[in-house]
Amino acid sequence: MMQLEHNERECQGGKVLRLDYYEAYDFNSDYGHVHYTICDYEVQLGFDEVTGDPIPDGNGGQAFTIFKWPRESGSLELDAATCNSWGADDQPIFNYVAQQLSITLV
């Protein structure tokens, strides 16, 4: 299972959709733009450089590092329906961006 931040969602193929920021909403005629990044998600286990032994995480497991490598970024204009359905939950924006980019959220 991926470890994600509140502004990230898992996509098929080991990718992450990250919403970076939103701008240009003016309440009258512009519904704004959402800026996004699609990242590759990678987990690397920790190994001692000298011995090659696994590095313990202090909880009986092996330490690891998560990398989210940026692969594509851009911005999309939001439409009225999407913007009007957006409230405290960002999921409508994730769904809109995924649909516009033809990617599938998991």
PDB file of N, CA and C in Angstrom:
ATOM      1  N   MET A   1       0.836  -1.175   0.000  1.00  0.00           N
ATOM      2  CA  MET A   1       0.000   0.000   0.000  1.00  0.00           C
ATOM      3  C   MET A   1       0.887   1.247   0.000  1.00  0.00           C
ATOM      4  N   MET A   2       0.558   2.184  -0.870  1.00  0.00           N
ATOM      5  CA  MET A   2       1.345   3.419  -0.967  1.00  0.00           C
ATOM      6  C   MET A   2       1.117   4.315   0.245  1.00  0.00           C
ATOM      7  N   GLN A   3       2.162   5.021   0.621  1.00  0.00           N
ATOM      8  CA  GLN A   3       2.046   6.048   1.653  1.00  0.00           C
ATOM      9  C   GLN A   3       1.929   7.388   0.937  1.00  0.00           C
ATOM     10  N   LEU A   4       0.766   8.014   1.068  1.00  0.00           N
ATOM     11  CA  LEU A   4       0.471   9.217   0.314  1.00  0.00           C
ATOM     12  C   LEU A   4       0.166  10.393   1.232  1.00  0.00           C
ATOM     13  N   GLU A   5       0.422  11.591   0.722  1.00  0.00           N
ATOM     14  CA  GLU A   5       0.063  12.823   1.413  1.00  0.00           C
ATOM     15  C   GLU A   5      -1.393  13.169   1.073  1.00  0.00           C
ATOM     16  N   HIS A   6      -1.968  14.147   1.752  1.00  0.00           N
ATOM     17  CA  HIS A   6      -3.372  14.505   1.527  1.00  0.00           C
ATOM     18  C   HIS A   6      -3.643  15.011   0.112  1.00  0.00           C
ATOM     19  N   ASN A   7      -2.614  15.496  -0.578  1.00  0.00           N
ATOM     20  CA  ASN A   7      -2.786  16.021  -1.935  1.00  0.00           C
ATOM     21  C   ASN A   7      -2.343  15.022  -3.006  1.00  0.00           C
ATOM     22  N   GLU A   8      -2.318  13.736  -2.663  1.00  0.00           N
ATOM     23  CA  GLU A   8      -1.877  12.691  -3.596  1.00  0.00           C
ATOM     24  C   GLU A   8      -2.897  11.562  -3.640  1.00  0.00           C
ATOM     25  N   ARG A   9      -2.996  10.931  -4.810  1.00  0.00           N
ATOM     26  CA  ARG A   9      -3.829   9.746  -4.989  1.00  0.00           C
ATOM     27  C   ARG A   9      -3.047   8.737  -5.823  1.00  0.00           C
ATOM     28  N   GLU A  10      -3.274   7.461  -5.527  1.00  0.00           N
ATOM     29  CA  GLU A  10      -2.637   6.378  -6.264  1.00  0.00           C
ATOM     30  C   GLU A  10      -3.338   6.175  -7.596  1.00  0.00           C
ATOM     31  N   CYS A  11      -2.532   5.943  -8.626  1.00  0.00           N
ATOM     32  CA  CYS A  11      -3.032   5.646  -9.970  1.00  0.00           C
ATOM     33  C   CYS A  11      -2.568   4.254 -10.372  1.00  0.00           C
ATOM     34  N   GLN A  12      -3.221   3.688 -11.362  1.00  0.00           N
ATOM     35  CA  GLN A  12      -2.778   2.404 -11.894  1.00  0.00           C
ATOM     36  C   GLN A  12      -1.360   2.540 -12.421  1.00  0.00           C
ATOM     37  N   GLY A  13      -0.625   1.440 -12.365  1.00  0.00           N
ATOM     38  CA  GLY A  13       0.717   1.408 -12.917  1.00  0.00           C
ATOM     39  C   GLY A  13       1.789   1.948 -11.984  1.00  0.00           C
ATOM     40  N   GLY A  14       1.512   2.005 -10.681  1.00  0.00           N
ATOM     41  CA  GLY A  14       2.527   2.463  -9.734  1.00  0.00           C
ATOM     42  C   GLY A  14       2.810   3.952  -9.804  1.00  0.00           C
ATOM     43  N   LYS A  15       1.832   4.719 -10.226  1.00  0.00           N
ATOM     44  CA  LYS A  15       1.976   6.173 -10.352  1.00  0.00           C
ATOM     45  C   LYS A  15       1.216   6.872  -9.229  1.00  0.00           C
ATOM     46  N   VAL A  16       1.576   8.134  -9.008  1.00  0.00           N
ATOM     47  CA  VAL A  16       0.899   8.988  -8.040  1.00  0.00           C
ATOM     48  C   VAL A  16       0.466  10.265  -8.769  1.00  0.00           C
ATOM     49  N   LEU A  17      -0.789  10.653  -8.560  1.00  0.00           N
ATOM     50  CA  LEU A  17      -1.277  11.945  -9.042  1.00  0.00           C
ATOM     51  C   LEU A  17      -1.229  12.893  -7.854  1.00  0.00           C
ATOM     52  N   ARG A  18      -0.470  13.966  -8.005  1.00  0.00           N
ATOM     53  CA  ARG A  18      -0.334  14.966  -6.937  1.00  0.00           C
ATOM     54  C   ARG A  18      -0.918  16.287  -7.425  1.00  0.00           C
ATOM     55  N   LEU A  19      -1.801  16.872  -6.632  1.00  0.00           N
ATOM     56  CA  LEU A  19      -2.310  18.208  -6.925  1.00  0.00           C
ATOM     57  C   LEU A  19      -1.413  19.193  -6.198  1.00  0.00           C
ATOM     58  N   ASP A  20      -0.756  20.061  -6.952  1.00  0.00           N
ATOM     59  CA  ASP A  20       0.249  20.950  -6.382  1.00  0.00           C
ATOM     60  C   ASP A  20      -0.337  22.262  -5.873  1.00  0.00           C
ATOM     61  N   TYR A  21      -1.166  22.908  -6.672  1.00  0.00           N
ATOM     62  CA  TYR A  21      -1.823  24.132  -6.213  1.00  0.00           C
ATOM     63  C   TYR A  21      -2.937  24.523  -7.169  1.00  0.00           C
ATOM     64  N   TYR A  22      -3.730  25.449  -6.705  1.00  0.00           N
ATOM     65  CA  TYR A  22      -4.901  25.924  -7.425  1.00  0.00           C
ATOM     66  C   TYR A  22      -4.813  27.442  -7.471  1.00  0.00           C
ATOM     67  N   GLU A  23      -5.181  28.033  -8.618  1.00  0.00           N
ATOM     68  CA  GLU A  23      -5.082  29.489  -8.730  1.00  0.00           C
ATOM     69  C   GLU A  23      -6.093  30.034  -9.725  1.00  0.00           C
ATOM     70  N   ALA A  24      -6.281  31.348  -9.675  1.00  0.00           N
ATOM     71  CA  ALA A  24      -7.000  32.149 -10.667  1.00  0.00           C
ATOM     72  C   ALA A  24      -8.520  32.080 -10.568  1.00  0.00           C
ATOM     73  N   TYR A  25      -9.065  31.629  -9.461  1.00  0.00           N
ATOM     74  CA  TYR A  25     -10.522  31.656  -9.298  1.00  0.00           C
ATOM     75  C   TYR A  25     -10.942  33.079  -8.952  1.00  0.00           C
ATOM     76  N   ASP A  26     -11.915  33.632  -9.707  1.00  0.00           N
ATOM     77  CA  ASP A  26     -12.281  35.030  -9.457  1.00  0.00           C
ATOM     78  C   ASP A  26     -13.752  35.240  -9.101  1.00  0.00           C
ATOM     79  N   PHE A  27     -14.508  34.177  -8.839  1.00  0.00           N
ATOM     80  CA  PHE A  27     -15.912  34.239  -8.425  1.00  0.00           C
ATOM     81  C   PHE A  27     -16.876  34.708  -9.508  1.00  0.00           C
ATOM     82  N   ASN A  28     -16.409  35.256 -10.603  1.00  0.00           N
ATOM     83  CA  ASN A  28     -17.310  35.753 -11.637  1.00  0.00           C
ATOM     84  C   ASN A  28     -17.253  34.968 -12.937  1.00  0.00           C
ATOM     85  N   SER A  29     -16.057  34.829 -13.493  1.00  0.00           N
ATOM     86  CA  SER A  29     -15.986  34.241 -14.828  1.00  0.00           C
ATOM     87  C   SER A  29     -14.894  33.200 -14.999  1.00  0.00           C
ATOM     88  N   ASP A  30     -14.023  33.047 -14.034  1.00  0.00           N
ATOM     89  CA  ASP A  30     -12.908  32.112 -14.183  1.00  0.00           C
ATOM     90  C   ASP A  30     -12.947  31.113 -13.037  1.00  0.00           C
ATOM     91  N   TYR A  31     -13.031  29.830 -13.387  1.00  0.00           N
ATOM     92  CA  TYR A  31     -13.102  28.779 -12.375  1.00  0.00           C
ATOM     93  C   TYR A  31     -11.735  28.310 -11.922  1.00  0.00           C
ATOM     94  N   GLY A  32     -10.699  28.898 -12.442  1.00  0.00           N
ATOM     95  CA  GLY A  32      -9.350  28.624 -11.976  1.00  0.00           C
ATOM     96  C   GLY A  32      -8.658  27.481 -12.679  1.00  0.00           C
ATOM     97  N   HIS A  33      -7.437  27.273 -12.265  1.00  0.00           N
ATOM     98  CA  HIS A  33      -6.564  26.224 -12.805  1.00  0.00           C
ATOM     99  C   HIS A  33      -6.043  25.383 -11.657  1.00  0.00           C
ATOM    100  N   VAL A  34      -5.934  24.102 -11.899  1.00  0.00           N
ATOM    101  CA  VAL A  34      -5.310  23.207 -10.931  1.00  0.00           C
ATOM    102  C   VAL A  34      -3.999  22.719 -11.553  1.00  0.00           C
ATOM    103  N   HIS A  35      -2.933  22.793 -10.797  1.00  0.00           N
ATOM    104  CA  HIS A  35      -1.621  22.338 -11.247  1.00  0.00           C
ATOM    105  C   HIS A  35      -1.362  20.969 -10.635  1.00  0.00           C
ATOM    106  N   TYR A  36      -0.874  20.063 -11.461  1.00  0.00           N
ATOM    107  CA  TYR A  36      -0.704  18.671 -11.051  1.00  0.00           C
ATOM    108  C   TYR A  36       0.688  18.160 -11.435  1.00  0.00           C
ATOM    109  N   THR A  37       1.070  17.062 -10.794  1.00  0.00           N
ATOM    110  CA  THR A  37       2.276  16.324 -11.168  1.00  0.00           C
ATOM    111  C   THR A  37       1.953  14.837 -11.092  1.00  0.00           C
ATOM    112  N   ILE A  38       2.403  14.093 -12.077  1.00  0.00           N
ATOM    113  CA  ILE A  38       2.312  12.637 -12.046  1.00  0.00           C
ATOM    114  C   ILE A  38       3.705  12.118 -11.710  1.00  0.00           C
ATOM    115  N   CYS A  39       3.770  11.270 -10.685  1.00  0.00           N
ATOM    116  CA  CYS A  39       5.053  10.754 -10.192  1.00  0.00           C
ATOM    117  C   CYS A  39       5.089   9.235 -10.269  1.00  0.00           C
ATOM    118  N   ASP A  40       6.298   8.693 -10.478  1.00  0.00           N
ATOM    119  CA  ASP A  40       6.540   7.272 -10.278  1.00  0.00           C
ATOM    120  C   ASP A  40       6.760   7.072  -8.785  1.00  0.00           C
ATOM    121  N   TYR A  41       6.234   5.991  -8.237  1.00  0.00           N
ATOM    122  CA  TYR A  41       6.349   5.684  -6.814  1.00  0.00           C
ATOM    123  C   TYR A  41       7.320   4.525  -6.644  1.00  0.00           C
ATOM    124  N   GLU A  42       8.324   4.714  -5.813  1.00  0.00           N
ATOM    125  CA  GLU A  42       9.343   3.674  -5.618  1.00  0.00           C
ATOM    126  C   GLU A  42       9.693   3.558  -4.139  1.00  0.00           C
ATOM    127  N   VAL A  43       9.780   2.325  -3.662  1.00  0.00           N
ATOM    128  CA  VAL A  43      10.216   2.050  -2.300  1.00  0.00           C
ATOM    129  C   VAL A  43      11.552   1.331  -2.381  1.00  0.00           C
ATOM    130  N   GLN A  44      12.556   1.872  -1.690  1.00  0.00           N
ATOM    131  CA  GLN A  44      13.869   1.223  -1.651  1.00  0.00           C
ATOM    132  C   GLN A  44      14.154   0.803  -0.218  1.00  0.00           C
ATOM    133  N   LEU A  45      14.453  -0.482  -0.045  1.00  0.00           N
ATOM    134  CA  LEU A  45      14.809  -0.995   1.271  1.00  0.00           C
ATOM    135  C   LEU A  45      16.208  -0.538   1.643  1.00  0.00           C
ATOM    136  N   GLY A  46      16.418  -0.332   2.943  1.00  0.00           N
ATOM    137  CA  GLY A  46      17.710   0.127   3.428  1.00  0.00           C
ATOM    138  C   GLY A  46      18.667  -1.027   3.709  1.00  0.00           C
ATOM    139  N   PHE A  47      19.874  -0.933   3.173  1.00  0.00           N
ATOM    140  CA  PHE A  47      20.922  -1.921   3.411  1.00  0.00           C
ATOM    141  C   PHE A  47      22.189  -1.198   3.836  1.00  0.00           C
ATOM    142  N   ASP A  48      22.917  -1.797   4.767  1.00  0.00           N
ATOM    143  CA  ASP A  48      24.190  -1.238   5.213  1.00  0.00           C
ATOM    144  C   ASP A  48      25.172  -1.258   4.053  1.00  0.00           C
ATOM    145  N   GLU A  49      25.838  -0.132   3.812  1.00  0.00           N
ATOM    146  CA  GLU A  49      26.758  -0.017   2.675  1.00  0.00           C
ATOM    147  C   GLU A  49      27.987  -0.904   2.816  1.00  0.00           C
ATOM    148  N   VAL A  50      28.405  -1.186   4.044  1.00  0.00           N
ATOM    149  CA  VAL A  50      29.614  -1.980   4.277  1.00  0.00           C
ATOM    150  C   VAL A  50      29.296  -3.471   4.313  1.00  0.00           C
ATOM    151  N   THR A  51      28.325  -3.849   5.154  1.00  0.00           N
ATOM    152  CA  THR A  51      28.048  -5.278   5.352  1.00  0.00           C
ATOM    153  C   THR A  51      27.009  -5.823   4.380  1.00  0.00           C
ATOM    154  N   GLY A  52      26.180  -4.947   3.856  1.00  0.00           N
ATOM    155  CA  GLY A  52      25.097  -5.400   2.989  1.00  0.00           C
ATOM    156  C   GLY A  52      23.898  -5.922   3.765  1.00  0.00           C
ATOM    157  N   ASP A  53      23.968  -5.864   5.096  1.00  0.00           N
ATOM    158  CA  ASP A  53      22.867  -6.341   5.937  1.00  0.00           C
ATOM    159  C   ASP A  53      21.705  -5.348   5.898  1.00  0.00           C
ATOM    160  N   PRO A  54      20.478  -5.852   6.062  1.00  0.00           N
ATOM    161  CA  PRO A  54      19.330  -4.951   6.135  1.00  0.00           C
ATOM    162  C   PRO A  54      19.453  -3.996   7.334  1.00  0.00           C
ATOM    163  N   ILE A  55      19.027  -2.767   7.148  1.00  0.00           N
ATOM    164  CA  ILE A  55      19.030  -1.780   8.224  1.00  0.00           C
ATOM    165  C   ILE A  55      17.694  -1.903   8.952  1.00  0.00           C
ATOM    166  N   PRO A  56      17.725  -2.167  10.273  1.00  0.00           N
ATOM    167  CA  PRO A  56      16.465  -2.299  11.011  1.00  0.00           C
ATOM    168  C   PRO A  56      15.762  -0.949  11.172  1.00  0.00           C
ATOM    169  N   ASP A  57      14.443  -1.008  11.235  1.00  0.00           N
ATOM    170  CA  ASP A  57      13.660   0.226  11.390  1.00  0.00           C
ATOM    171  C   ASP A  57      13.304   0.537  12.843  1.00  0.00           C
ATOM    172  N   GLY A  58      13.750  -0.314  13.770  1.00  0.00           N
ATOM    173  CA  GLY A  58      13.460  -0.102  15.182  1.00  0.00           C
ATOM    174  C   GLY A  58      12.144  -0.706  15.628  1.00  0.00           C
ATOM    175  N   ASN A  59      11.389  -1.257  14.693  1.00  0.00           N
ATOM    176  CA  ASN A  59      10.102  -1.887  15.010  1.00  0.00           C
ATOM    177  C   ASN A  59      10.058  -3.342  14.563  1.00  0.00           C
ATOM    178  N   GLY A  60      11.220  -3.939  14.366  1.00  0.00           N
ATOM    179  CA  GLY A  60      11.280  -5.334  13.948  1.00  0.00           C
ATOM    180  C   GLY A  60      11.238  -5.539  12.444  1.00  0.00           C
ATOM    181  N   GLY A  61      11.235  -4.465  11.695  1.00  0.00           N
ATOM    182  CA  GLY A  61      11.212  -4.569  10.232  1.00  0.00           C
ATOM    183  C   GLY A  61      12.460  -3.953   9.633  1.00  0.00           C
ATOM    184  N   GLN A  62      12.434  -3.791   8.344  1.00  0.00           N
ATOM    185  CA  GLN A  62      13.562  -3.206   7.626  1.00  0.00           C
ATOM    186  C   GLN A  62      13.241  -1.768   7.241  1.00  0.00           C
ATOM    187  N   ALA A  63      14.214  -0.885   7.448  1.00  0.00           N
ATOM    188  CA  ALA A  63      14.048   0.520   7.076  1.00  0.00           C
ATOM    189  C   ALA A  63      13.902   0.642   5.563  1.00  0.00           C
ATOM    190  N   PHE A  64      13.172   1.657   5.143  1.00  0.00           N
ATOM    191  CA  PHE A  64      12.983   1.895   3.716  1.00  0.00           C
ATOM    192  C   PHE A  64      12.841   3.386   3.475  1.00  0.00           C
ATOM    193  N   THR A  65      13.025   3.768   2.213  1.00  0.00           N
ATOM    194  CA  THR A  65      12.838   5.144   1.779  1.00  0.00           C
ATOM    195  C   THR A  65      11.860   5.146   0.615  1.00  0.00           C
ATOM    196  N   ILE A  66      10.941   6.098   0.643  1.00  0.00           N
ATOM    197  CA  ILE A  66       9.963   6.237  -0.437  1.00  0.00           C
ATOM    198  C   ILE A  66      10.387   7.392  -1.332  1.00  0.00           C
ATOM    199  N   PHE A  67      10.397   7.128  -2.637  1.00  0.00           N
ATOM    200  CA  PHE A  67      10.695   8.161  -3.634  1.00  0.00           C
ATOM    201  C   PHE A  67       9.465   8.367  -4.506  1.00  0.00           C
ATOM    202  N   LYS A  68       9.184   9.615  -4.790  1.00  0.00           N
ATOM    203  CA  LYS A  68       8.108   9.968  -5.723  1.00  0.00           C
ATOM    204  C   LYS A  68       8.746  10.828  -6.804  1.00  0.00           C
ATOM    205  N   TRP A  69       9.130  10.160  -7.890  1.00  0.00           N
ATOM    206  CA  TRP A  69       9.881  10.798  -8.968  1.00  0.00           C
ATOM    207  C   TRP A  69       8.929  11.523  -9.913  1.00  0.00           C
ATOM    208  N   PRO A  70       9.009  12.850 -10.028  1.00  0.00           N
ATOM    209  CA  PRO A  70       8.141  13.584 -10.960  1.00  0.00           C
ATOM    210  C   PRO A  70       8.413  13.175 -12.411  1.00  0.00           C
ATOM    211  N   ARG A  71       7.340  12.878 -13.160  1.00  0.00           N
ATOM    212  CA  ARG A  71       7.476  12.468 -14.555  1.00  0.00           C
ATOM    213  C   ARG A  71       6.759  13.394 -15.526  1.00  0.00           C
ATOM    214  N   GLU A  72       5.670  14.006 -15.065  1.00  0.00           N
ATOM    215  CA  GLU A  72       4.888  14.877 -15.943  1.00  0.00           C
ATOM    216  C   GLU A  72       4.162  15.885 -15.062  1.00  0.00           C
ATOM    217  N   SER A  73       4.098  17.114 -15.520  1.00  0.00           N
ATOM    218  CA  SER A  73       3.337  18.109 -14.771  1.00  0.00           C
ATOM    219  C   SER A  73       2.665  19.062 -15.747  1.00  0.00           C
ATOM    220  N   GLY A  74       1.672  19.739 -15.254  1.00  0.00           N
ATOM    221  CA  GLY A  74       0.947  20.685 -16.090  1.00  0.00           C
ATOM    222  C   GLY A  74      -0.165  21.326 -15.303  1.00  0.00           C
ATOM    223  N   SER A  75      -1.054  22.012 -16.026  1.00  0.00           N
ATOM    224  CA  SER A  75      -2.205  22.624 -15.380  1.00  0.00           C
ATOM    225  C   SER A  75      -3.434  22.419 -16.259  1.00  0.00           C
ATOM    226  N   LEU A  76      -4.568  22.387 -15.615  1.00  0.00           N
ATOM    227  CA  LEU A  76      -5.844  22.222 -16.309  1.00  0.00           C
ATOM    228  C   LEU A  76      -6.812  23.283 -15.818  1.00  0.00           C
ATOM    229  N   GLU A  77      -7.594  23.829 -16.745  1.00  0.00           N
ATOM    230  CA  GLU A  77      -8.665  24.746 -16.359  1.00  0.00           C
ATOM    231  C   GLU A  77      -9.809  23.924 -15.782  1.00  0.00           C
ATOM    232  N   LEU A  78     -10.381  24.421 -14.700  1.00  0.00           N
ATOM    233  CA  LEU A  78     -11.541  23.751 -14.124  1.00  0.00           C
ATOM    234  C   LEU A  78     -12.812  24.267 -14.788  1.00  0.00           C
ATOM    235  N   ASP A  79     -13.807  23.398 -14.862  1.00  0.00           N
ATOM    236  CA  ASP A  79     -15.098  23.820 -15.403  1.00  0.00           C
ATOM    237  C   ASP A  79     -16.049  24.159 -14.256  1.00  0.00           C
ATOM    238  N   ALA A  80     -17.172  24.762 -14.588  1.00  0.00           N
ATOM    239  CA  ALA A  80     -18.124  25.218 -13.578  1.00  0.00           C
ATOM    240  C   ALA A  80     -18.659  24.067 -12.729  1.00  0.00           C
ATOM    241  N   ALA A  81     -19.038  22.974 -13.365  1.00  0.00           N
ATOM    242  CA  ALA A  81     -19.623  21.848 -12.626  1.00  0.00           C
ATOM    243  C   ALA A  81     -18.642  21.282 -11.605  1.00  0.00           C
ATOM    244  N   THR A  82     -17.392  21.108 -12.022  1.00  0.00           N
ATOM    245  CA  THR A  82     -16.384  20.567 -11.114  1.00  0.00           C
ATOM    246  C   THR A  82     -16.109  21.535  -9.977  1.00  0.00           C
ATOM    247  N   CYS A  83     -15.935  22.787 -10.300  1.00  0.00           N
ATOM    248  CA  CYS A  83     -15.637  23.793  -9.287  1.00  0.00           C
ATOM    249  C   CYS A  83     -16.787  23.923  -8.290  1.00  0.00           C
ATOM    250  N   ASN A  84     -18.023  23.871  -8.786  1.00  0.00           N
ATOM    251  CA  ASN A  84     -19.183  24.009  -7.913  1.00  0.00           C
ATOM    252  C   ASN A  84     -19.407  22.794  -7.024  1.00  0.00           C
ATOM    253  N   SER A  85     -18.873  21.631  -7.415  1.00  0.00           N
ATOM    254  CA  SER A  85     -19.026  20.423  -6.593  1.00  0.00           C
ATOM    255  C   SER A  85     -17.905  20.280  -5.571  1.00  0.00           C
ATOM    256  N   TRP A  86     -16.939  21.156  -5.646  1.00  0.00           N
ATOM    257  CA  TRP A  86     -15.762  21.081  -4.788  1.00  0.00           C
ATOM    258  C   TRP A  86     -16.076  21.754  -3.462  1.00  0.00           C
ATOM    259  N   GLY A  87     -15.831  21.052  -2.396  1.00  0.00           N
ATOM    260  CA  GLY A  87     -16.022  21.595  -1.054  1.00  0.00           C
ATOM    261  C   GLY A  87     -14.816  21.268  -0.207  1.00  0.00           C
ATOM    262  N   ALA A  88     -15.063  20.749   0.975  1.00  0.00           N
ATOM    263  CA  ALA A  88     -13.977  20.384   1.883  1.00  0.00           C
ATOM    264  C   ALA A  88     -13.217  19.161   1.378  1.00  0.00           C
ATOM    265  N   ASP A  89     -13.854  18.368   0.527  1.00  0.00           N
ATOM    266  CA  ASP A  89     -13.248  17.150  -0.012  1.00  0.00           C
ATOM    267  C   ASP A  89     -12.667  17.453  -1.396  1.00  0.00           C
ATOM    268  N   ASP A  90     -11.396  17.141  -1.601  1.00  0.00           N
ATOM    269  CA  ASP A  90     -10.729  17.402  -2.883  1.00  0.00           C
ATOM    270  C   ASP A  90     -10.961  16.303  -3.922  1.00  0.00           C
ATOM    271  N   GLN A  91     -11.682  15.248  -3.574  1.00  0.00           N
ATOM    272  CA  GLN A  91     -11.836  14.118  -4.499  1.00  0.00           C
ATOM    273  C   GLN A  91     -12.446  14.517  -5.845  1.00  0.00           C
ATOM    274  N   PRO A  92     -13.426  15.430  -5.903  1.00  0.00           N
ATOM    275  CA  PRO A  92     -13.936  15.820  -7.230  1.00  0.00           C
ATOM    276  C   PRO A  92     -12.846  16.401  -8.139  1.00  0.00           C
ATOM    277  N   ILE A  93     -11.872  17.086  -7.571  1.00  0.00           N
ATOM    278  CA  ILE A  93     -10.783  17.650  -8.372  1.00  0.00           C
ATOM    279  C   ILE A  93      -9.858  16.537  -8.852  1.00  0.00           C
ATOM    280  N   PHE A  94      -9.538  15.584  -7.973  1.00  0.00           N
ATOM    281  CA  PHE A  94      -8.737  14.437  -8.403  1.00  0.00           C
ATOM    282  C   PHE A  94      -9.440  13.688  -9.533  1.00  0.00           C
ATOM    283  N   ASN A  95     -10.737  13.456  -9.386  1.00  0.00           N
ATOM    284  CA  ASN A  95     -11.497  12.738 -10.417  1.00  0.00           C
ATOM    285  C   ASN A  95     -11.478  13.492 -11.740  1.00  0.00           C
ATOM    286  N   TYR A  96     -11.638  14.808 -11.684  1.00  0.00           N
ATOM    287  CA  TYR A  96     -11.628  15.633 -12.892  1.00  0.00           C
ATOM    288  C   TYR A  96     -10.275  15.571 -13.591  1.00  0.00           C
ATOM    289  N   VAL A  97      -9.203  15.750 -12.835  1.00  0.00           N
ATOM    290  CA  VAL A  97      -7.856  15.715 -13.420  1.00  0.00           C
ATOM    291  C   VAL A  97      -7.589  14.337 -14.020  1.00  0.00           C
ATOM    292  N   ALA A  98      -7.920  13.282 -13.287  1.00  0.00           N
ATOM    293  CA  ALA A  98      -7.700  11.915 -13.802  1.00  0.00           C
ATOM    294  C   ALA A  98      -8.464  11.704 -15.103  1.00  0.00           C
ATOM    295  N   GLN A  99      -9.707  12.158 -15.149  1.00  0.00           N
ATOM    296  CA  GLN A  99     -10.514  11.996 -16.361  1.00  0.00           C
ATOM    297  C   GLN A  99      -9.895  12.775 -17.531  1.00  0.00           C
ATOM    298  N   GLN A 100      -9.479  14.001 -17.288  1.00  0.00           N
ATOM    299  CA  GLN A 100      -8.884  14.830 -18.350  1.00  0.00           C
ATOM    300  C   GLN A 100      -7.586  14.226 -18.876  1.00  0.00           C
ATOM    301  N   LEU A 101      -6.827  13.568 -18.002  1.00  0.00           N
ATOM    302  CA  LEU A 101      -5.532  12.991 -18.395  1.00  0.00           C
ATOM    303  C   LEU A 101      -5.650  11.529 -18.825  1.00  0.00           C
ATOM    304  N   SER A 102      -6.859  10.977 -18.768  1.00  0.00           N
ATOM    305  CA  SER A 102      -7.117   9.571 -19.117  1.00  0.00           C
ATOM    306  C   SER A 102      -6.284   8.621 -18.272  1.00  0.00           C
ATOM    307  N   ILE A 103      -6.250   8.885 -16.972  1.00  0.00           N
ATOM    308  CA  ILE A 103      -5.586   7.973 -16.045  1.00  0.00           C
ATOM    309  C   ILE A 103      -6.623   7.436 -15.077  1.00  0.00           C
ATOM    310  N   THR A 104      -6.331   6.288 -14.498  1.00  0.00           N
ATOM    311  CA  THR A 104      -7.280   5.627 -13.592  1.00  0.00           C
ATOM    312  C   THR A 104      -6.763   5.690 -12.170  1.00  0.00           C
ATOM    313  N   LEU A 105      -7.583   6.253 -11.289  1.00  0.00           N
ATOM    314  CA  LEU A 105      -7.241   6.270  -9.873  1.00  0.00           C
ATOM    315  C   LEU A 105      -7.571   4.913  -9.272  1.00  0.00           C
ATOM    316  N   VAL A 106      -6.784   4.497  -8.286  1.00  0.00           N
ATOM    317  CA  VAL A 106      -7.005   3.206  -7.630  1.00  0.00           C
ATOM    318  C   VAL A 106      -7.858   3.424  -6.406  1.00  0.00           C
TER     319      VAL A 106
END
